[in-house]
Structures are given as C-alpha cells and as structure tokens.
Amino acid sequence: MADEEWPVVPVETLCRVCGNETGDEEHPSWDRYGAPRYLICDCCGIESGLGDDAVAGTWEGTVNLHSRRGTWVTARGAAWEDPGGRPPGWDLVEWMPRVPAGYRTPPPPPAGPERLRAAWRACPGAGTETVCRVCGFADGGPRWHEGVPTGARCPCCGAEPGVDDVPLAGTWRDEVRVVARRGWWLANGARWAEPAARPGGWDVVRQLAAVPPRWHGAE
C-alpha cells in the first residue's frame, strides 16, 4: 500500500511514561504511522510498543501509562534504567511535565457512590491510616479510621480518602486506580493542593517512599 494511503501522525520522540527523549526525528519511539519502534527508555525503562500503548486525551486510554509511572516512582524510587544517562541535577518534578500533554490529561474521573462503597468494604484492614495512599504525605492527620474514610483531603496531592484512593473492582489489578492517580499527579508536575503546606526542601521521591507497600503498584 502506498504511503499516502496510511494515516500519518506526528512522530514521537519523548517517552509517554516519563518524558525522557528516547529517540529523534530519524529514529523515533513511535513513527509517523503510529507504529512503535521498540526503543527502551534510558530513564524509566519502558519499551515503546510494550506497555505504553495508549489513546491520548482519554483517561481509559492512558490509565495504564499513569499506573506504570506511579509504580516506577514508588516501587523503584524513580531509578534510572541507565544511571549513566541521568543528567546532572536531574529533578523528577521538573522532568515529568515533559510527558506529552495527551498522555497526562484529562484528570481521573469520579467513581459512582455504589462502586466507592463496595471498594471500602473490599479494602483489607480496618485500622487507622495516617499516610496518604497516593503520595505518601503523613502530616495531615488520619485518612482512614477503622476502615472508614475521614474525608481529610491530602494537602499535597489533593486526594480525598474514600474517593481518590480506593481500589475499584473490575480493574486488572485492584490498586490500579490508586497507582494511576499518583502517576497522573506526577505527570502534571506534582503540584501541591495547598502550596502553603509544602515544606522547605521538599523531596517528592523521599515522600513517596512512605507510601504503604500495598499501594506501590506491581511491575
């Protein structure tokens, strides 16, 4: 089939997960026909075409990217696949918005109240949680008390307990909503919901290390 019969799209040279430059115009990570070139990102380690398939601009189409991003930063501490390629002074928060806009928008959609109630009942443990499941912030009082959300919105990532931090049945992994919420927050610059609460010298990777293991995600 002649080239002109195939739909042509802009080539992609930036990693859809972390925003790193994985290719160039001559050797892109995704070519002008929307086909992957199977290049491995030196930063997050994702391979184009294996784990980064997505439909830009939709939550359902990008949730897997957000989940992979949230897992990479929490479970792996944002470690570079090739440490030698890490630029001097590299900063995760400044780096993340390089992710193409279509792969970090729109925001997560709300879940219906019936699904939320089912998620609360399915959540193991009925203790008190003081650490945000999404971002690891731990200085804002209890998030969950005896298995019931307190409604205390996180001043860091803005997640509301019982709404934005619950596993929902029917997903490929039950915690995917929590991990994907983290990935979406990171891709949009890890902005603080309450900027005045941000401490001096804040380190997002160090804070994310406090996320309970249940919510790290699985690679």
N, C-alpha and C. Protein backbone atom coordinates (compact mmCIF):
# COMPACT_ATOMS: atom_id res chain seq x y z
N MET A 1 0.86 -1.20 0.00
CA MET A 1 0.00 0.00 0.00
C MET A 1 0.88 1.23 0.00
N ALA A 2 0.56 2.20 -0.82
CA ALA A 2 1.34 3.43 -0.92
C ALA A 2 1.29 4.20 0.40
N ASP A 3 2.37 4.96 0.68
CA ASP A 3 2.44 5.71 1.92
C ASP A 3 1.24 6.60 2.14
N GLU A 4 0.76 7.24 1.03
CA GLU A 4 -0.31 8.21 1.20
C GLU A 4 -1.63 7.55 1.61
N GLU A 5 -1.75 6.23 1.51
CA GLU A 5 -2.98 5.56 1.90
C GLU A 5 -3.02 5.26 3.39
N TRP A 6 -1.88 5.39 4.07
CA TRP A 6 -1.83 5.15 5.50
C TRP A 6 -2.01 6.48 6.24
N PRO A 7 -2.74 6.49 7.35
CA PRO A 7 -2.84 7.74 8.12
C PRO A 7 -1.47 8.12 8.68
N VAL A 8 -1.13 9.38 8.54
CA VAL A 8 0.16 9.87 9.01
C VAL A 8 -0.06 10.72 10.25
N VAL A 9 0.73 10.48 11.29
CA VAL A 9 0.63 11.22 12.55
C VAL A 9 2.01 11.76 12.89
N PRO A 10 2.09 12.75 13.78
CA PRO A 10 3.41 13.24 14.19
C PRO A 10 4.23 12.13 14.85
N VAL A 11 5.52 12.10 14.56
CA VAL A 11 6.37 11.12 15.22
C VAL A 11 6.50 11.49 16.69
N GLU A 12 6.81 10.50 17.51
CA GLU A 12 7.00 10.73 18.94
C GLU A 12 8.44 10.39 19.32
N THR A 13 9.09 11.31 19.99
CA THR A 13 10.46 11.08 20.43
C THR A 13 10.60 11.10 21.95
N LEU A 14 9.53 11.46 22.66
CA LEU A 14 9.55 11.51 24.12
C LEU A 14 8.81 10.32 24.71
N CYS A 15 9.35 9.78 25.78
CA CYS A 15 8.72 8.65 26.45
C CYS A 15 7.35 9.05 26.99
N ARG A 16 6.35 8.22 26.73
CA ARG A 16 4.99 8.50 27.20
C ARG A 16 4.86 8.35 28.71
N VAL A 17 5.75 7.62 29.33
CA VAL A 17 5.68 7.39 30.77
C VAL A 17 6.41 8.47 31.56
N CYS A 18 7.65 8.79 31.16
CA CYS A 18 8.46 9.71 31.98
C CYS A 18 8.87 10.99 31.27
N GLY A 19 8.69 11.09 29.96
CA GLY A 19 9.04 12.31 29.26
C GLY A 19 10.47 12.37 28.78
N ASN A 20 11.25 11.32 29.01
CA ASN A 20 12.63 11.32 28.55
C ASN A 20 12.69 11.23 27.02
N GLU A 21 13.74 11.79 26.44
CA GLU A 21 13.90 11.72 24.99
C GLU A 21 14.47 10.35 24.64
N THR A 22 13.64 9.51 24.07
CA THR A 22 14.06 8.15 23.77
C THR A 22 14.47 7.96 22.31
N GLY A 23 14.22 8.94 21.48
CA GLY A 23 14.57 8.83 20.07
C GLY A 23 14.74 10.21 19.46
N ASP A 24 14.80 10.25 18.14
CA ASP A 24 14.87 11.53 17.43
C ASP A 24 13.99 11.44 16.20
N GLU A 25 13.98 12.50 15.41
CA GLU A 25 13.10 12.52 14.24
C GLU A 25 13.41 11.39 13.26
N GLU A 26 14.68 11.03 13.16
CA GLU A 26 15.06 9.96 12.24
C GLU A 26 14.77 8.58 12.82
N HIS A 27 14.93 8.45 14.13
CA HIS A 27 14.67 7.17 14.80
C HIS A 27 13.76 7.43 16.01
N PRO A 28 12.47 7.66 15.76
CA PRO A 28 11.54 7.98 16.85
C PRO A 28 11.11 6.74 17.62
N SER A 29 10.53 6.98 18.79
CA SER A 29 10.00 5.85 19.56
C SER A 29 8.68 5.36 18.96
N TRP A 30 7.90 6.28 18.37
CA TRP A 30 6.70 5.93 17.61
C TRP A 30 6.78 6.68 16.29
N ASP A 31 6.58 5.97 15.16
CA ASP A 31 6.80 6.59 13.86
C ASP A 31 5.57 7.31 13.32
N ARG A 32 5.69 7.81 12.11
CA ARG A 32 4.62 8.65 11.54
C ARG A 32 3.38 7.87 11.16
N TYR A 33 3.44 6.55 11.26
CA TYR A 33 2.24 5.74 11.02
C TYR A 33 1.64 5.24 12.33
N GLY A 34 2.13 5.79 13.45
CA GLY A 34 1.61 5.39 14.75
C GLY A 34 2.09 4.02 15.19
N ALA A 35 3.21 3.57 14.64
CA ALA A 35 3.76 2.25 14.98
C ALA A 35 4.95 2.41 15.92
N PRO A 36 5.07 1.54 16.91
CA PRO A 36 6.21 1.63 17.85
C PRO A 36 7.49 1.15 17.21
N ARG A 37 8.62 1.71 17.67
CA ARG A 37 9.92 1.30 17.17
C ARG A 37 10.69 0.47 18.20
N TYR A 38 10.02 0.17 19.32
CA TYR A 38 10.57 -0.72 20.35
C TYR A 38 11.92 -0.23 20.90
N LEU A 39 11.97 1.07 21.20
CA LEU A 39 13.15 1.66 21.83
C LEU A 39 12.95 1.66 23.34
N ILE A 40 13.98 1.34 24.07
CA ILE A 40 13.91 1.29 25.53
C ILE A 40 14.35 2.62 26.11
N CYS A 41 13.52 3.16 26.99
CA CYS A 41 13.81 4.45 27.62
C CYS A 41 14.94 4.30 28.63
N ASP A 42 15.96 5.15 28.51
CA ASP A 42 17.09 5.11 29.46
C ASP A 42 16.68 5.52 30.86
N CYS A 43 15.55 6.23 30.97
CA CYS A 43 15.12 6.74 32.27
C CYS A 43 14.25 5.72 32.99
N CYS A 44 13.02 5.53 32.55
CA CYS A 44 12.09 4.64 33.28
C CYS A 44 12.17 3.19 32.83
N GLY A 45 12.83 2.91 31.70
CA GLY A 45 13.00 1.54 31.24
C GLY A 45 11.86 0.99 30.41
N ILE A 46 10.83 1.81 30.12
CA ILE A 46 9.71 1.33 29.32
C ILE A 46 10.16 1.17 27.87
N GLU A 47 9.61 0.18 27.18
CA GLU A 47 9.92 -0.04 25.77
C GLU A 47 8.73 0.40 24.93
N SER A 48 8.96 1.25 23.96
CA SER A 48 7.85 1.75 23.15
C SER A 48 7.20 0.58 22.41
N GLY A 49 5.90 0.47 22.58
CA GLY A 49 5.16 -0.63 21.98
C GLY A 49 4.93 -1.78 22.94
N LEU A 50 5.63 -1.80 24.07
CA LEU A 50 5.45 -2.84 25.08
C LEU A 50 5.16 -2.17 26.42
N GLY A 51 3.87 -1.87 26.65
CA GLY A 51 3.49 -1.27 27.93
C GLY A 51 3.16 0.19 27.85
N ASP A 52 3.33 0.82 26.68
CA ASP A 52 2.99 2.24 26.60
C ASP A 52 1.95 2.52 25.52
N ASP A 53 1.23 1.47 25.09
CA ASP A 53 0.11 1.70 24.17
C ASP A 53 -0.91 2.58 24.87
N ALA A 54 -1.47 3.53 24.16
CA ALA A 54 -2.39 4.46 24.79
C ALA A 54 -3.24 5.17 23.75
N VAL A 55 -4.36 5.70 24.20
CA VAL A 55 -5.19 6.59 23.40
C VAL A 55 -5.10 7.95 24.07
N ALA A 56 -4.42 8.86 23.43
CA ALA A 56 -4.16 10.17 24.03
C ALA A 56 -5.45 10.93 24.30
N GLY A 57 -5.46 11.65 25.42
CA GLY A 57 -6.58 12.53 25.73
C GLY A 57 -7.75 11.89 26.43
N THR A 58 -7.67 10.60 26.73
CA THR A 58 -8.75 9.93 27.44
C THR A 58 -8.18 9.25 28.68
N TRP A 59 -8.97 9.20 29.77
CA TRP A 59 -8.48 8.55 30.98
C TRP A 59 -8.34 7.04 30.76
N GLU A 60 -9.35 6.41 30.21
CA GLU A 60 -9.28 4.96 29.99
C GLU A 60 -8.13 4.61 29.06
N GLY A 61 -7.84 5.50 28.12
CA GLY A 61 -6.76 5.23 27.17
C GLY A 61 -5.37 5.46 27.72
N THR A 62 -5.26 6.17 28.85
CA THR A 62 -3.95 6.50 29.41
C THR A 62 -3.73 5.94 30.81
N VAL A 63 -4.73 5.28 31.38
CA VAL A 63 -4.62 4.82 32.77
C VAL A 63 -3.44 3.87 32.96
N ASN A 64 -3.13 3.06 31.95
CA ASN A 64 -2.00 2.14 32.09
C ASN A 64 -0.68 2.90 32.15
N LEU A 65 -0.58 3.99 31.39
CA LEU A 65 0.64 4.82 31.44
C LEU A 65 0.78 5.44 32.83
N HIS A 66 -0.31 5.98 33.36
CA HIS A 66 -0.27 6.59 34.68
C HIS A 66 0.13 5.57 35.74
N SER A 67 -0.42 4.36 35.61
CA SER A 67 -0.11 3.31 36.57
C SER A 67 1.36 2.93 36.50
N ARG A 68 1.90 2.80 35.31
CA ARG A 68 3.32 2.46 35.17
C ARG A 68 4.20 3.57 35.73
N ARG A 69 3.80 4.80 35.50
CA ARG A 69 4.57 5.93 36.03
C ARG A 69 4.53 5.93 37.55
N GLY A 70 3.34 5.74 38.12
CA GLY A 70 3.21 5.72 39.57
C GLY A 70 3.98 4.59 40.21
N THR A 71 4.04 3.43 39.52
CA THR A 71 4.79 2.29 40.03
C THR A 71 6.29 2.54 39.95
N TRP A 72 6.75 3.08 38.83
CA TRP A 72 8.18 3.35 38.64
C TRP A 72 8.72 4.27 39.73
N VAL A 73 7.97 5.31 40.04
CA VAL A 73 8.46 6.29 41.01
C VAL A 73 8.39 5.74 42.43
N THR A 74 7.35 4.98 42.76
CA THR A 74 7.20 4.49 44.13
C THR A 74 7.93 3.18 44.37
N ALA A 75 7.69 2.19 43.53
CA ALA A 75 8.31 0.88 43.75
C ALA A 75 9.80 0.88 43.43
N ARG A 76 10.23 1.73 42.48
CA ARG A 76 11.63 1.74 42.08
C ARG A 76 12.36 3.02 42.48
N GLY A 77 11.66 3.93 43.16
CA GLY A 77 12.31 5.16 43.58
C GLY A 77 12.76 6.04 42.45
N ALA A 78 12.06 5.96 41.30
CA ALA A 78 12.40 6.74 40.11
C ALA A 78 13.84 6.48 39.67
N ALA A 79 14.32 5.24 39.89
CA ALA A 79 15.69 4.90 39.49
C ALA A 79 15.80 4.84 37.97
N TRP A 80 16.89 5.38 37.45
CA TRP A 80 17.13 5.36 36.01
C TRP A 80 17.53 3.97 35.54
N GLU A 81 16.98 3.55 34.41
CA GLU A 81 17.36 2.28 33.81
C GLU A 81 18.85 2.30 33.46
N ASP A 82 19.31 3.44 32.94
CA ASP A 82 20.72 3.63 32.63
C ASP A 82 21.21 4.82 33.47
N PRO A 83 21.75 4.56 34.66
CA PRO A 83 22.18 5.66 35.53
C PRO A 83 23.16 6.62 34.87
N GLY A 84 23.94 6.12 33.91
CA GLY A 84 24.90 6.98 33.24
C GLY A 84 24.25 8.04 32.37
N GLY A 85 22.99 7.83 32.01
CA GLY A 85 22.30 8.80 31.17
C GLY A 85 21.58 9.88 31.96
N ARG A 86 21.58 9.77 33.26
CA ARG A 86 20.88 10.75 34.10
C ARG A 86 21.61 12.09 34.08
N PRO A 87 20.93 13.16 33.67
CA PRO A 87 21.59 14.47 33.59
C PRO A 87 21.97 14.98 34.98
N PRO A 88 23.05 15.75 35.08
CA PRO A 88 23.42 16.35 36.36
C PRO A 88 22.29 17.25 36.87
N GLY A 89 21.99 17.14 38.14
CA GLY A 89 20.95 17.98 38.72
C GLY A 89 19.54 17.59 38.31
N TRP A 90 19.38 16.36 37.80
CA TRP A 90 18.05 15.91 37.35
C TRP A 90 17.03 16.03 38.47
N ASP A 91 15.87 16.58 38.14
CA ASP A 91 14.80 16.79 39.12
C ASP A 91 13.52 16.17 38.59
N LEU A 92 12.97 15.21 39.32
CA LEU A 92 11.79 14.48 38.87
C LEU A 92 10.60 15.41 38.61
N VAL A 93 10.35 16.33 39.53
CA VAL A 93 9.18 17.21 39.41
C VAL A 93 9.28 18.08 38.17
N GLU A 94 10.48 18.59 37.88
CA GLU A 94 10.65 19.42 36.69
C GLU A 94 10.61 18.58 35.41
N TRP A 95 11.00 17.33 35.51
CA TRP A 95 11.09 16.44 34.35
C TRP A 95 9.73 15.94 33.89
N MET A 96 8.85 15.63 34.81
CA MET A 96 7.59 14.96 34.48
C MET A 96 6.72 15.71 33.48
N PRO A 97 6.58 17.04 33.56
CA PRO A 97 5.72 17.71 32.59
C PRO A 97 6.20 17.62 31.14
N ARG A 98 7.37 17.02 30.92
CA ARG A 98 7.80 16.77 29.54
C ARG A 98 6.93 15.70 28.88
N VAL A 99 6.25 14.89 29.68
CA VAL A 99 5.33 13.89 29.12
C VAL A 99 4.34 14.61 28.21
N PRO A 100 4.19 14.16 26.96
CA PRO A 100 3.26 14.83 26.04
C PRO A 100 1.88 15.02 26.67
N ALA A 101 1.30 16.19 26.43
CA ALA A 101 0.06 16.59 27.10
C ALA A 101 -1.05 15.55 26.97
N GLY A 102 -1.15 14.92 25.81
CA GLY A 102 -2.23 13.95 25.61
C GLY A 102 -2.12 12.73 26.49
N TYR A 103 -0.94 12.51 27.07
CA TYR A 103 -0.74 11.33 27.93
C TYR A 103 -0.73 11.69 29.41
N ARG A 104 -1.09 12.92 29.73
CA ARG A 104 -1.25 13.29 31.15
C ARG A 104 -2.58 14.00 31.42
N THR A 105 -3.44 14.05 30.42
CA THR A 105 -4.78 14.61 30.58
C THR A 105 -5.77 13.61 29.99
N PRO A 106 -7.03 13.66 30.40
CA PRO A 106 -7.66 14.51 31.41
C PRO A 106 -7.43 13.95 32.81
N PRO A 107 -7.98 14.62 33.84
CA PRO A 107 -7.84 14.09 35.21
C PRO A 107 -8.68 12.83 35.41
N PRO A 108 -8.37 12.07 36.47
CA PRO A 108 -9.15 10.85 36.74
C PRO A 108 -10.63 11.18 36.93
N PRO A 109 -11.52 10.39 36.36
CA PRO A 109 -12.95 10.63 36.52
C PRO A 109 -13.42 10.18 37.90
N PRO A 110 -14.49 10.77 38.40
CA PRO A 110 -15.03 10.32 39.69
C PRO A 110 -15.68 8.95 39.56
N ALA A 111 -15.71 8.22 40.65
CA ALA A 111 -16.38 6.92 40.67
C ALA A 111 -17.75 7.09 41.32
N GLY A 112 -18.71 6.27 40.88
CA GLY A 112 -20.05 6.34 41.45
C GLY A 112 -20.07 5.91 42.90
N PRO A 113 -21.01 6.40 43.68
CA PRO A 113 -21.06 6.09 45.11
C PRO A 113 -21.20 4.60 45.41
N GLU A 114 -21.91 3.86 44.58
CA GLU A 114 -22.06 2.43 44.84
C GLU A 114 -20.73 1.70 44.70
N ARG A 115 -19.96 2.06 43.68
CA ARG A 115 -18.66 1.43 43.49
C ARG A 115 -17.71 1.83 44.63
N LEU A 116 -17.82 3.06 45.08
CA LEU A 116 -16.96 3.50 46.18
C LEU A 116 -17.26 2.74 47.46
N ARG A 117 -18.54 2.58 47.76
CA ARG A 117 -18.90 1.84 48.97
C ARG A 117 -18.42 0.40 48.90
N ALA A 118 -18.54 -0.21 47.72
CA ALA A 118 -18.06 -1.58 47.53
C ALA A 118 -16.55 -1.65 47.72
N ALA A 119 -15.86 -0.61 47.26
CA ALA A 119 -14.41 -0.58 47.41
C ALA A 119 -14.01 -0.45 48.87
N TRP A 120 -14.73 0.35 49.64
CA TRP A 120 -14.42 0.48 51.07
C TRP A 120 -14.55 -0.88 51.76
N ARG A 121 -15.64 -1.58 51.45
CA ARG A 121 -15.87 -2.87 52.10
C ARG A 121 -14.82 -3.90 51.72
N ALA A 122 -14.31 -3.79 50.48
CA ALA A 122 -13.34 -4.77 49.99
C ALA A 122 -11.92 -4.47 50.46
N CYS A 123 -11.70 -3.27 50.99
CA CYS A 123 -10.35 -2.88 51.38
C CYS A 123 -9.93 -3.63 52.64
N PRO A 124 -8.81 -4.36 52.60
CA PRO A 124 -8.40 -5.14 53.77
C PRO A 124 -7.96 -4.25 54.92
N GLY A 125 -8.19 -4.72 56.14
CA GLY A 125 -7.77 -3.97 57.32
C GLY A 125 -8.79 -2.93 57.71
N ALA A 126 -8.93 -2.73 58.99
CA ALA A 126 -9.89 -1.74 59.47
C ALA A 126 -9.21 -0.80 60.47
N GLY A 127 -7.90 -0.65 60.31
CA GLY A 127 -7.16 0.21 61.22
C GLY A 127 -7.22 1.66 60.81
N THR A 128 -6.37 2.44 61.46
CA THR A 128 -6.27 3.86 61.15
C THR A 128 -5.07 4.10 60.25
N GLU A 129 -5.27 4.81 59.16
CA GLU A 129 -4.20 5.14 58.23
C GLU A 129 -3.93 6.64 58.28
N THR A 130 -2.68 6.99 58.47
CA THR A 130 -2.30 8.41 58.54
C THR A 130 -1.44 8.83 57.36
N VAL A 131 -1.07 7.89 56.51
CA VAL A 131 -0.23 8.19 55.34
C VAL A 131 -1.09 8.16 54.09
N CYS A 132 -0.95 9.18 53.25
CA CYS A 132 -1.72 9.23 52.00
C CYS A 132 -1.31 8.07 51.10
N ARG A 133 -2.28 7.31 50.62
CA ARG A 133 -2.01 6.16 49.76
C ARG A 133 -1.45 6.58 48.41
N VAL A 134 -1.76 7.79 47.98
CA VAL A 134 -1.34 8.26 46.67
C VAL A 134 0.07 8.83 46.69
N CYS A 135 0.36 9.76 47.62
CA CYS A 135 1.63 10.48 47.57
C CYS A 135 2.53 10.28 48.78
N GLY A 136 2.07 9.62 49.84
CA GLY A 136 2.91 9.37 50.99
C GLY A 136 2.96 10.49 52.01
N PHE A 137 2.18 11.55 51.82
CA PHE A 137 2.18 12.65 52.80
C PHE A 137 1.60 12.13 54.12
N ALA A 138 2.27 12.51 55.23
CA ALA A 138 1.88 11.90 56.50
C ALA A 138 1.66 12.89 57.64
N ASP A 139 1.50 14.16 57.34
CA ASP A 139 1.39 15.16 58.41
C ASP A 139 0.02 15.83 58.48
N GLY A 140 -0.99 15.19 57.95
CA GLY A 140 -2.29 15.83 57.92
C GLY A 140 -3.37 15.13 58.71
N GLY A 141 -2.99 14.27 59.67
CA GLY A 141 -4.00 13.57 60.46
C GLY A 141 -4.44 12.30 59.77
N PRO A 142 -5.37 11.55 60.37
CA PRO A 142 -5.81 10.26 59.80
C PRO A 142 -6.57 10.44 58.50
N ARG A 143 -6.30 9.52 57.58
CA ARG A 143 -7.03 9.49 56.30
C ARG A 143 -8.21 8.51 56.39
N TRP A 144 -7.94 7.38 57.06
CA TRP A 144 -8.96 6.35 57.26
C TRP A 144 -8.98 6.01 58.75
N HIS A 145 -10.18 5.80 59.28
CA HIS A 145 -10.32 5.43 60.69
C HIS A 145 -11.24 4.23 60.79
N GLU A 146 -10.68 3.10 61.24
CA GLU A 146 -11.43 1.85 61.36
C GLU A 146 -12.11 1.49 60.04
N GLY A 147 -11.37 1.64 58.95
CA GLY A 147 -11.87 1.25 57.64
C GLY A 147 -12.82 2.24 57.00
N VAL A 148 -13.00 3.41 57.59
CA VAL A 148 -13.92 4.41 57.05
C VAL A 148 -13.12 5.67 56.69
N PRO A 149 -13.31 6.23 55.49
CA PRO A 149 -12.56 7.42 55.12
C PRO A 149 -12.98 8.63 55.94
N THR A 150 -12.01 9.46 56.30
CA THR A 150 -12.30 10.64 57.12
C THR A 150 -12.70 11.85 56.29
N GLY A 151 -12.39 11.81 55.00
CA GLY A 151 -12.69 12.96 54.15
C GLY A 151 -11.65 14.06 54.22
N ALA A 152 -10.55 13.81 54.93
CA ALA A 152 -9.49 14.81 55.07
C ALA A 152 -8.65 14.82 53.80
N ARG A 153 -8.93 15.74 52.90
CA ARG A 153 -8.22 15.80 51.62
C ARG A 153 -6.73 16.05 51.84
N CYS A 154 -5.89 15.35 51.11
CA CYS A 154 -4.45 15.49 51.26
C CYS A 154 -4.00 16.87 50.79
N PRO A 155 -3.30 17.63 51.64
CA PRO A 155 -2.84 18.96 51.22
C PRO A 155 -1.75 18.91 50.16
N CYS A 156 -1.14 17.73 49.99
CA CYS A 156 -0.10 17.60 48.97
C CYS A 156 -0.70 17.27 47.61
N CYS A 157 -1.16 16.03 47.41
CA CYS A 157 -1.66 15.63 46.09
C CYS A 157 -3.14 15.93 45.87
N GLY A 158 -3.85 16.29 46.94
CA GLY A 158 -5.26 16.63 46.81
C GLY A 158 -6.21 15.45 46.82
N ALA A 159 -5.70 14.23 47.02
CA ALA A 159 -6.56 13.05 47.01
C ALA A 159 -7.50 13.05 48.21
N GLU A 160 -8.75 12.72 47.97
CA GLU A 160 -9.74 12.63 49.04
C GLU A 160 -9.92 11.17 49.45
N PRO A 161 -9.71 10.85 50.73
CA PRO A 161 -9.88 9.47 51.18
C PRO A 161 -11.28 8.94 50.86
N GLY A 162 -11.33 7.73 50.37
CA GLY A 162 -12.62 7.14 50.04
C GLY A 162 -13.15 7.51 48.69
N VAL A 163 -12.48 8.45 48.01
CA VAL A 163 -12.91 8.86 46.67
C VAL A 163 -11.79 8.65 45.66
N ASP A 164 -10.61 9.18 45.97
CA ASP A 164 -9.49 9.13 45.04
C ASP A 164 -8.45 8.08 45.39
N ASP A 165 -8.62 7.38 46.51
CA ASP A 165 -7.56 6.46 46.94
C ASP A 165 -8.09 5.05 47.23
N VAL A 166 -9.11 4.65 46.50
CA VAL A 166 -9.69 3.33 46.75
C VAL A 166 -9.49 2.42 45.54
N PRO A 167 -9.29 1.11 45.80
CA PRO A 167 -9.26 0.16 44.68
C PRO A 167 -10.67 -0.09 44.19
N LEU A 168 -10.83 -0.24 42.92
CA LEU A 168 -12.16 -0.49 42.37
C LEU A 168 -12.19 -1.85 41.70
N ALA A 169 -13.18 -2.65 42.05
CA ALA A 169 -13.32 -3.99 41.48
C ALA A 169 -13.48 -3.90 39.97
N GLY A 170 -12.93 -4.89 39.29
CA GLY A 170 -13.08 -4.96 37.84
C GLY A 170 -11.88 -4.46 37.08
N THR A 171 -10.89 -3.90 37.76
CA THR A 171 -9.68 -3.47 37.07
C THR A 171 -8.68 -4.62 37.05
N TRP A 172 -7.66 -4.51 36.19
CA TRP A 172 -6.72 -5.63 36.05
C TRP A 172 -5.94 -5.88 37.32
N ARG A 173 -5.74 -4.84 38.13
CA ARG A 173 -5.24 -5.01 39.49
C ARG A 173 -6.07 -4.08 40.36
N ASP A 174 -6.42 -4.54 41.56
CA ASP A 174 -7.37 -3.76 42.33
C ASP A 174 -6.84 -2.40 42.78
N GLU A 175 -5.50 -2.25 42.84
CA GLU A 175 -4.97 -0.97 43.29
C GLU A 175 -4.66 -0.02 42.13
N VAL A 176 -5.02 -0.40 40.90
CA VAL A 176 -4.61 0.39 39.75
C VAL A 176 -5.12 1.83 39.83
N ARG A 177 -6.29 2.04 40.39
CA ARG A 177 -6.82 3.41 40.47
C ARG A 177 -5.93 4.28 41.34
N VAL A 178 -5.44 3.73 42.45
CA VAL A 178 -4.60 4.50 43.36
C VAL A 178 -3.25 4.82 42.71
N VAL A 179 -2.63 3.80 42.10
CA VAL A 179 -1.33 4.00 41.47
C VAL A 179 -1.44 4.93 40.27
N ALA A 180 -2.51 4.79 39.49
CA ALA A 180 -2.70 5.66 38.33
C ALA A 180 -2.94 7.10 38.75
N ARG A 181 -3.65 7.29 39.85
CA ARG A 181 -3.86 8.65 40.37
C ARG A 181 -2.49 9.29 40.68
N ARG A 182 -1.60 8.50 41.27
CA ARG A 182 -0.25 9.00 41.58
C ARG A 182 0.48 9.39 40.30
N GLY A 183 0.41 8.51 39.28
CA GLY A 183 1.09 8.78 38.03
C GLY A 183 0.57 10.02 37.35
N TRP A 184 -0.74 10.22 37.40
CA TRP A 184 -1.34 11.43 36.81
C TRP A 184 -0.86 12.68 37.55
N TRP A 185 -0.84 12.62 38.88
CA TRP A 185 -0.38 13.75 39.69
C TRP A 185 1.07 14.10 39.35
N LEU A 186 1.93 13.09 39.23
CA LEU A 186 3.33 13.33 38.91
C LEU A 186 3.50 13.94 37.53
N ALA A 187 2.78 13.39 36.55
CA ALA A 187 2.92 13.88 35.17
C ALA A 187 2.49 15.33 35.03
N ASN A 188 1.68 15.79 35.94
CA ASN A 188 1.22 17.18 35.90
C ASN A 188 1.99 18.06 36.87
N GLY A 189 3.21 17.65 37.20
CA GLY A 189 4.11 18.50 37.97
C GLY A 189 4.06 18.31 39.47
N ALA A 190 3.37 17.28 39.97
CA ALA A 190 3.29 17.04 41.41
C ALA A 190 2.93 18.31 42.18
N ARG A 191 1.94 19.02 41.66
CA ARG A 191 1.55 20.29 42.29
C ARG A 191 0.87 20.05 43.64
N TRP A 192 1.16 20.90 44.60
CA TRP A 192 0.53 20.81 45.92
C TRP A 192 -0.86 21.40 45.87
N ALA A 193 -1.82 20.69 46.45
CA ALA A 193 -3.18 21.21 46.54
C ALA A 193 -3.22 22.45 47.43
N GLU A 194 -2.37 22.45 48.46
CA GLU A 194 -2.24 23.60 49.36
C GLU A 194 -0.77 24.02 49.36
N PRO A 195 -0.38 24.89 48.44
CA PRO A 195 1.04 25.25 48.30
C PRO A 195 1.68 25.75 49.60
N ALA A 196 0.91 26.41 50.46
CA ALA A 196 1.47 26.93 51.70
C ALA A 196 1.92 25.82 52.64
N ALA A 197 1.41 24.60 52.43
CA ALA A 197 1.77 23.48 53.31
C ALA A 197 3.05 22.79 52.87
N ARG A 198 3.56 23.15 51.71
CA ARG A 198 4.78 22.49 51.20
C ARG A 198 5.98 22.90 52.04
N PRO A 199 6.68 21.92 52.63
CA PRO A 199 7.84 22.25 53.47
C PRO A 199 9.06 22.64 52.63
N GLY A 200 9.95 23.39 53.23
CA GLY A 200 11.18 23.74 52.55
C GLY A 200 12.03 22.50 52.30
N GLY A 201 12.67 22.44 51.14
CA GLY A 201 13.49 21.30 50.81
C GLY A 201 12.72 20.03 50.53
N TRP A 202 11.44 20.17 50.18
CA TRP A 202 10.60 19.00 49.93
C TRP A 202 11.18 18.13 48.84
N ASP A 203 11.19 16.82 49.06
CA ASP A 203 11.70 15.85 48.10
C ASP A 203 10.59 14.85 47.80
N VAL A 204 10.07 14.89 46.60
CA VAL A 204 8.92 14.05 46.25
C VAL A 204 9.25 12.56 46.30
N VAL A 205 10.45 12.17 45.87
CA VAL A 205 10.81 10.76 45.88
C VAL A 205 10.91 10.24 47.31
N ARG A 206 11.51 11.05 48.18
CA ARG A 206 11.62 10.64 49.58
C ARG A 206 10.24 10.50 50.21
N GLN A 207 9.34 11.41 49.90
CA GLN A 207 7.99 11.32 50.45
C GLN A 207 7.26 10.09 49.92
N LEU A 208 7.40 9.83 48.62
CA LEU A 208 6.71 8.68 48.03
C LEU A 208 7.21 7.35 48.60
N ALA A 209 8.41 7.35 49.15
CA ALA A 209 8.93 6.13 49.77
C ALA A 209 8.11 5.73 50.99
N ALA A 210 7.31 6.68 51.52
CA ALA A 210 6.48 6.39 52.70
C ALA A 210 5.14 5.78 52.33
N VAL A 211 4.82 5.71 51.03
CA VAL A 211 3.55 5.09 50.62
C VAL A 211 3.54 3.63 51.10
N PRO A 212 2.48 3.19 51.77
CA PRO A 212 2.41 1.80 52.23
C PRO A 212 2.62 0.83 51.06
N PRO A 213 3.35 -0.26 51.28
CA PRO A 213 3.67 -1.20 50.20
C PRO A 213 2.46 -1.68 49.39
N ARG A 214 1.31 -1.81 50.06
CA ARG A 214 0.11 -2.27 49.35
C ARG A 214 -0.19 -1.41 48.14
N TRP A 215 0.20 -0.13 48.20
CA TRP A 215 -0.18 0.82 47.16
C TRP A 215 0.99 1.21 46.25
N HIS A 216 2.06 0.43 46.28
CA HIS A 216 3.20 0.72 45.41
C HIS A 216 2.92 0.44 43.95
N GLY A 217 2.09 -0.54 43.69
CA GLY A 217 1.87 -1.00 42.32
C GLY A 217 2.76 -2.19 42.03
N ALA A 218 2.50 -2.87 40.94
CA ALA A 218 3.26 -4.06 40.57
C ALA A 218 3.80 -3.89 39.17
N GLU A 219 5.07 -4.22 38.98
CA GLU A 219 5.70 -4.07 37.67
C GLU A 219 5.43 -5.28 36.79
